[in-house]
Amino acid sequence: MAGRKAVRDRTTKESEVHVELDLDGSGQAEVATGLPFFDHMLAQLARHGQIDLVVRTSGDLEVDAHHSVEDTGIVLGGALAAALDDKAGVRRFASASVPLDEALVDVALDLSGRAYLRYDVPFGREAHPLGSPGFEPQLAEEFWRAFVGSAGLTLHIGLRHGQNTHHVLEASFKAVALALRDAVRLEGVGVPSTKGVL
């Protein structure tokens, strides 16, 4: 595809995932994973990252939501890596702090080519699944781990304050979106590394 766009598909015995991504979009999202809360989070990623995004996931939700969430992360991360190509001209580093009422989440990322996730977002025992079918809060970490591994980026997500599970997760996705939007911004011509490759 022309421009900073990518289409990726993945089929396993546990899920089918289709992703279309345009890094230079306007934040439009068409998301259907069978998990309404997860759909809402991915739409936040698109909207605040100014990424046009299509995600269609069909998974074995009757077993568990884990496969659908993780596999979506794998395919979305792969699409991001493909759209970035050699990363020439990108800003590379970015960070964001996002509040949502009582919640405040800090994010820093590096389009490093090295997969690393630091996820410091604890949830208490009172945290319940969100939506129906339910999205277990800890699935967010599984999503980000799969996304980072496939995209080849370094991502730190830390909760500074927050009790409401919905607020904490939504602030996390919005913060990653803002940081990603900044990191992929074109502001030069060469690859931003002394090694000459990322």
Protein backbone atom coordinates (compact mmCIF):
# COMPACT_ATOMS: atom_id res chain seq x y z
CA MET A 1 0.00 0.00 0.00
CA ALA A 2 1.14 3.57 -0.69
CA GLY A 3 2.05 5.83 2.20
CA ARG A 4 2.50 4.78 5.80
CA LYS A 5 -0.18 2.14 5.66
CA ALA A 6 -0.34 -1.59 6.22
CA VAL A 7 -2.78 -4.49 6.09
CA ARG A 8 -2.16 -7.62 8.14
CA ASP A 9 -4.07 -10.87 8.66
CA ARG A 10 -3.49 -13.77 11.01
CA THR A 11 -5.45 -17.00 11.35
CA THR A 12 -4.94 -19.62 14.03
CA LYS A 13 -7.11 -22.32 15.57
CA GLU A 14 -8.03 -19.76 18.24
CA SER A 15 -8.69 -16.57 16.28
CA GLU A 16 -8.90 -14.73 12.99
CA VAL A 17 -7.59 -11.16 12.97
CA HIS A 18 -7.65 -8.55 10.21
CA VAL A 19 -6.04 -5.13 10.66
CA GLU A 20 -5.78 -2.12 8.37
CA LEU A 21 -3.71 0.82 9.62
CA ASP A 22 -2.90 4.29 8.28
CA LEU A 23 -0.44 6.25 10.42
CA ASP A 24 -1.31 9.51 8.65
CA GLY A 25 -5.05 9.24 9.12
CA SER A 26 -7.59 11.33 10.99
CA GLY A 27 -8.45 8.99 13.86
CA GLN A 28 -11.22 7.01 12.21
CA ALA A 29 -11.85 3.55 13.67
CA GLU A 30 -13.90 0.52 12.66
CA VAL A 31 -13.35 -2.03 15.39
CA ALA A 32 -15.15 -5.30 16.07
CA THR A 33 -13.48 -7.83 18.36
CA GLY A 34 -16.49 -9.28 20.11
CA LEU A 35 -15.40 -7.47 23.30
CA PRO A 36 -17.16 -4.08 23.49
CA PHE A 37 -14.83 -2.59 26.10
CA PHE A 38 -11.76 -3.64 24.08
CA ASP A 39 -13.37 -2.11 20.99
CA HIS A 40 -13.75 1.13 22.95
CA MET A 41 -10.08 1.09 23.95
CA LEU A 42 -8.86 0.45 20.39
CA ALA A 43 -11.08 3.28 19.16
CA GLN A 44 -9.38 5.55 21.73
CA LEU A 45 -5.99 4.44 20.40
CA ALA A 46 -7.03 5.39 16.87
CA ARG A 47 -8.75 8.66 17.77
CA HIS A 48 -6.05 10.12 19.97
CA GLY A 49 -3.21 8.65 17.92
CA GLN A 50 -4.74 10.13 14.74
CA ILE A 51 -4.45 6.68 13.19
CA ASP A 52 -7.08 5.32 10.83
CA LEU A 53 -7.73 1.79 12.02
CA VAL A 54 -9.80 -1.20 11.00
CA VAL A 55 -9.75 -4.21 13.32
CA ARG A 56 -11.83 -7.33 12.88
CA THR A 57 -11.21 -10.15 15.34
CA SER A 58 -13.14 -13.39 15.60
CA GLY A 59 -11.93 -15.55 18.47
CA ASP A 60 -12.90 -18.33 20.82
CA LEU A 61 -14.61 -16.07 23.36
CA GLU A 62 -16.56 -19.05 24.64
CA VAL A 63 -13.23 -20.30 26.03
CA ASP A 64 -11.67 -17.02 27.12
CA ALA A 65 -11.00 -13.50 25.84
CA HIS A 66 -7.23 -13.95 26.14
CA HIS A 67 -6.62 -15.34 22.65
CA SER A 68 -8.62 -12.60 20.94
CA VAL A 69 -6.89 -9.81 22.84
CA GLU A 70 -3.36 -11.18 22.51
CA ASP A 71 -3.73 -12.06 18.83
CA THR A 72 -5.14 -8.61 18.08
CA GLY A 73 -2.05 -7.12 19.72
CA ILE A 74 0.24 -9.31 17.62
CA VAL A 75 -1.40 -8.30 14.35
CA LEU A 76 -1.75 -4.61 15.23
CA GLY A 77 1.91 -4.44 16.26
CA GLY A 78 2.95 -6.12 13.03
CA ALA A 79 0.89 -3.63 11.02
CA LEU A 80 2.56 -0.74 12.84
CA ALA A 81 6.03 -2.14 12.11
CA ALA A 82 5.14 -2.58 8.43
CA ALA A 83 3.70 0.94 8.14
CA LEU A 84 6.82 2.44 9.74
CA ASP A 85 9.09 0.55 7.32
CA ASP A 86 12.69 1.71 8.02
CA LYS A 87 11.43 4.56 10.28
CA ALA A 88 13.32 7.19 8.31
CA GLY A 89 12.44 10.70 9.47
CA VAL A 90 10.39 9.74 12.53
CA ARG A 91 10.82 11.54 15.83
CA ARG A 92 11.31 8.13 17.53
CA PHE A 93 11.01 9.05 21.24
CA ALA A 94 7.87 10.36 22.93
CA SER A 95 6.05 10.46 26.23
CA ALA A 96 2.65 11.51 27.55
CA SER A 97 0.80 11.85 30.84
CA VAL A 98 -2.96 11.55 30.63
CA PRO A 99 -5.52 12.19 33.37
CA LEU A 100 -9.04 10.82 33.41
CA ASP A 101 -10.79 12.10 36.50
CA GLU A 102 -8.93 10.53 39.47
CA ALA A 103 -6.65 8.42 37.23
CA LEU A 104 -3.29 9.59 35.91
CA VAL A 105 -1.11 7.42 33.67
CA ASP A 106 2.42 8.09 32.39
CA VAL A 107 3.71 6.58 29.15
CA ALA A 108 7.11 6.71 27.44
CA LEU A 109 8.01 4.92 24.23
CA ASP A 110 10.86 4.46 21.82
CA LEU A 111 10.56 3.10 18.29
CA SER A 112 13.79 1.29 19.06
CA GLY A 113 13.44 -1.94 17.13
CA ARG A 114 13.79 -3.69 20.51
CA ALA A 115 10.73 -5.14 22.16
CA TYR A 116 10.44 -4.25 25.83
CA LEU A 117 7.38 -3.63 28.01
CA ARG A 118 7.37 -2.18 31.51
CA TYR A 119 3.78 -2.32 32.74
CA ASP A 120 3.21 -0.95 36.21
CA VAL A 121 -0.57 -0.71 36.39
CA PRO A 122 -1.79 -2.63 39.43
CA PHE A 123 -5.45 -3.47 39.97
CA GLY A 124 -7.04 -4.34 43.28
CA ARG A 125 -9.07 -7.45 43.97
CA GLU A 126 -12.23 -5.41 43.50
CA ALA A 127 -11.47 -4.88 39.78
CA HIS A 128 -14.13 -6.65 37.75
CA PRO A 129 -14.39 -7.47 34.02
CA LEU A 130 -15.68 -4.57 31.95
CA GLY A 131 -18.41 -4.94 29.34
CA SER A 132 -20.18 -8.05 28.13
CA PRO A 133 -18.54 -10.36 27.24
CA GLY A 134 -16.21 -9.22 29.99
CA PHE A 135 -12.75 -7.72 29.45
CA GLU A 136 -10.57 -8.72 32.40
CA PRO A 137 -8.37 -5.74 33.40
CA GLN A 138 -5.14 -7.78 33.28
CA LEU A 139 -5.77 -8.49 29.59
CA ALA A 140 -4.55 -4.98 28.83
CA GLU A 141 -1.04 -6.03 29.83
CA GLU A 142 -1.27 -9.08 27.55
CA PHE A 143 -2.38 -6.84 24.69
CA TRP A 144 0.49 -4.40 25.17
CA ARG A 145 3.04 -7.22 25.51
CA ALA A 146 1.89 -8.77 22.23
CA PHE A 147 1.76 -5.36 20.53
CA VAL A 148 5.27 -4.41 21.67
CA GLY A 149 6.73 -7.77 20.69
CA SER A 150 5.34 -7.57 17.19
CA ALA A 151 5.99 -3.85 16.66
CA GLY A 152 9.54 -3.93 18.03
CA LEU A 153 9.25 -0.96 20.36
CA THR A 154 10.04 -0.07 23.95
CA LEU A 155 7.01 0.92 25.99
CA HIS A 156 6.70 2.00 29.62
CA ILE A 157 3.22 2.40 31.12
CA GLY A 158 2.90 3.49 34.74
CA LEU A 159 -0.10 4.30 36.89
CA ARG A 160 0.55 7.31 39.08
CA HIS A 161 -2.95 7.61 40.59
CA GLY A 162 -6.32 5.94 40.08
CA GLN A 163 -8.92 3.60 41.46
CA ASN A 164 -11.62 3.33 38.81
CA THR A 165 -10.69 0.45 36.50
CA HIS A 166 -12.34 1.97 33.45
CA HIS A 167 -10.61 5.32 34.01
CA VAL A 168 -7.20 3.71 34.52
CA LEU A 169 -7.40 1.57 31.39
CA GLU A 170 -8.79 4.36 29.23
CA ALA A 171 -6.12 6.80 30.41
CA SER A 172 -3.50 4.13 29.56
CA PHE A 173 -4.72 3.68 26.00
CA LYS A 174 -5.04 7.43 25.46
CA ALA A 175 -1.54 8.04 26.81
CA VAL A 176 -0.04 5.41 24.50
CA ALA A 177 -2.00 6.93 21.61
CA LEU A 178 -0.63 10.42 22.25
CA ALA A 179 2.94 9.18 22.66
CA LEU A 180 2.70 7.05 19.53
CA ARG A 181 1.27 9.97 17.55
CA ASP A 182 4.28 12.06 18.59
CA ALA A 183 6.90 9.33 18.06
CA VAL A 184 5.83 8.47 14.49
CA ARG A 185 5.70 12.13 13.45
CA LEU A 186 7.98 12.87 10.52
CA GLU A 187 10.44 15.62 11.34
CA GLY A 188 13.65 14.62 9.58
CA VAL A 189 14.98 12.58 6.67
CA GLY A 190 17.30 9.94 8.05
CA VAL A 191 16.89 7.08 10.49
CA PRO A 192 17.13 8.58 14.02
CA SER A 193 19.93 6.34 15.26
CA THR A 194 23.73 6.52 15.28
CA LYS A 195 23.65 2.90 14.08
CA GLY A 196 21.78 3.99 10.95
CA VAL A 197 19.04 1.43 11.50
CA LEU A 198 16.23 0.84 13.97
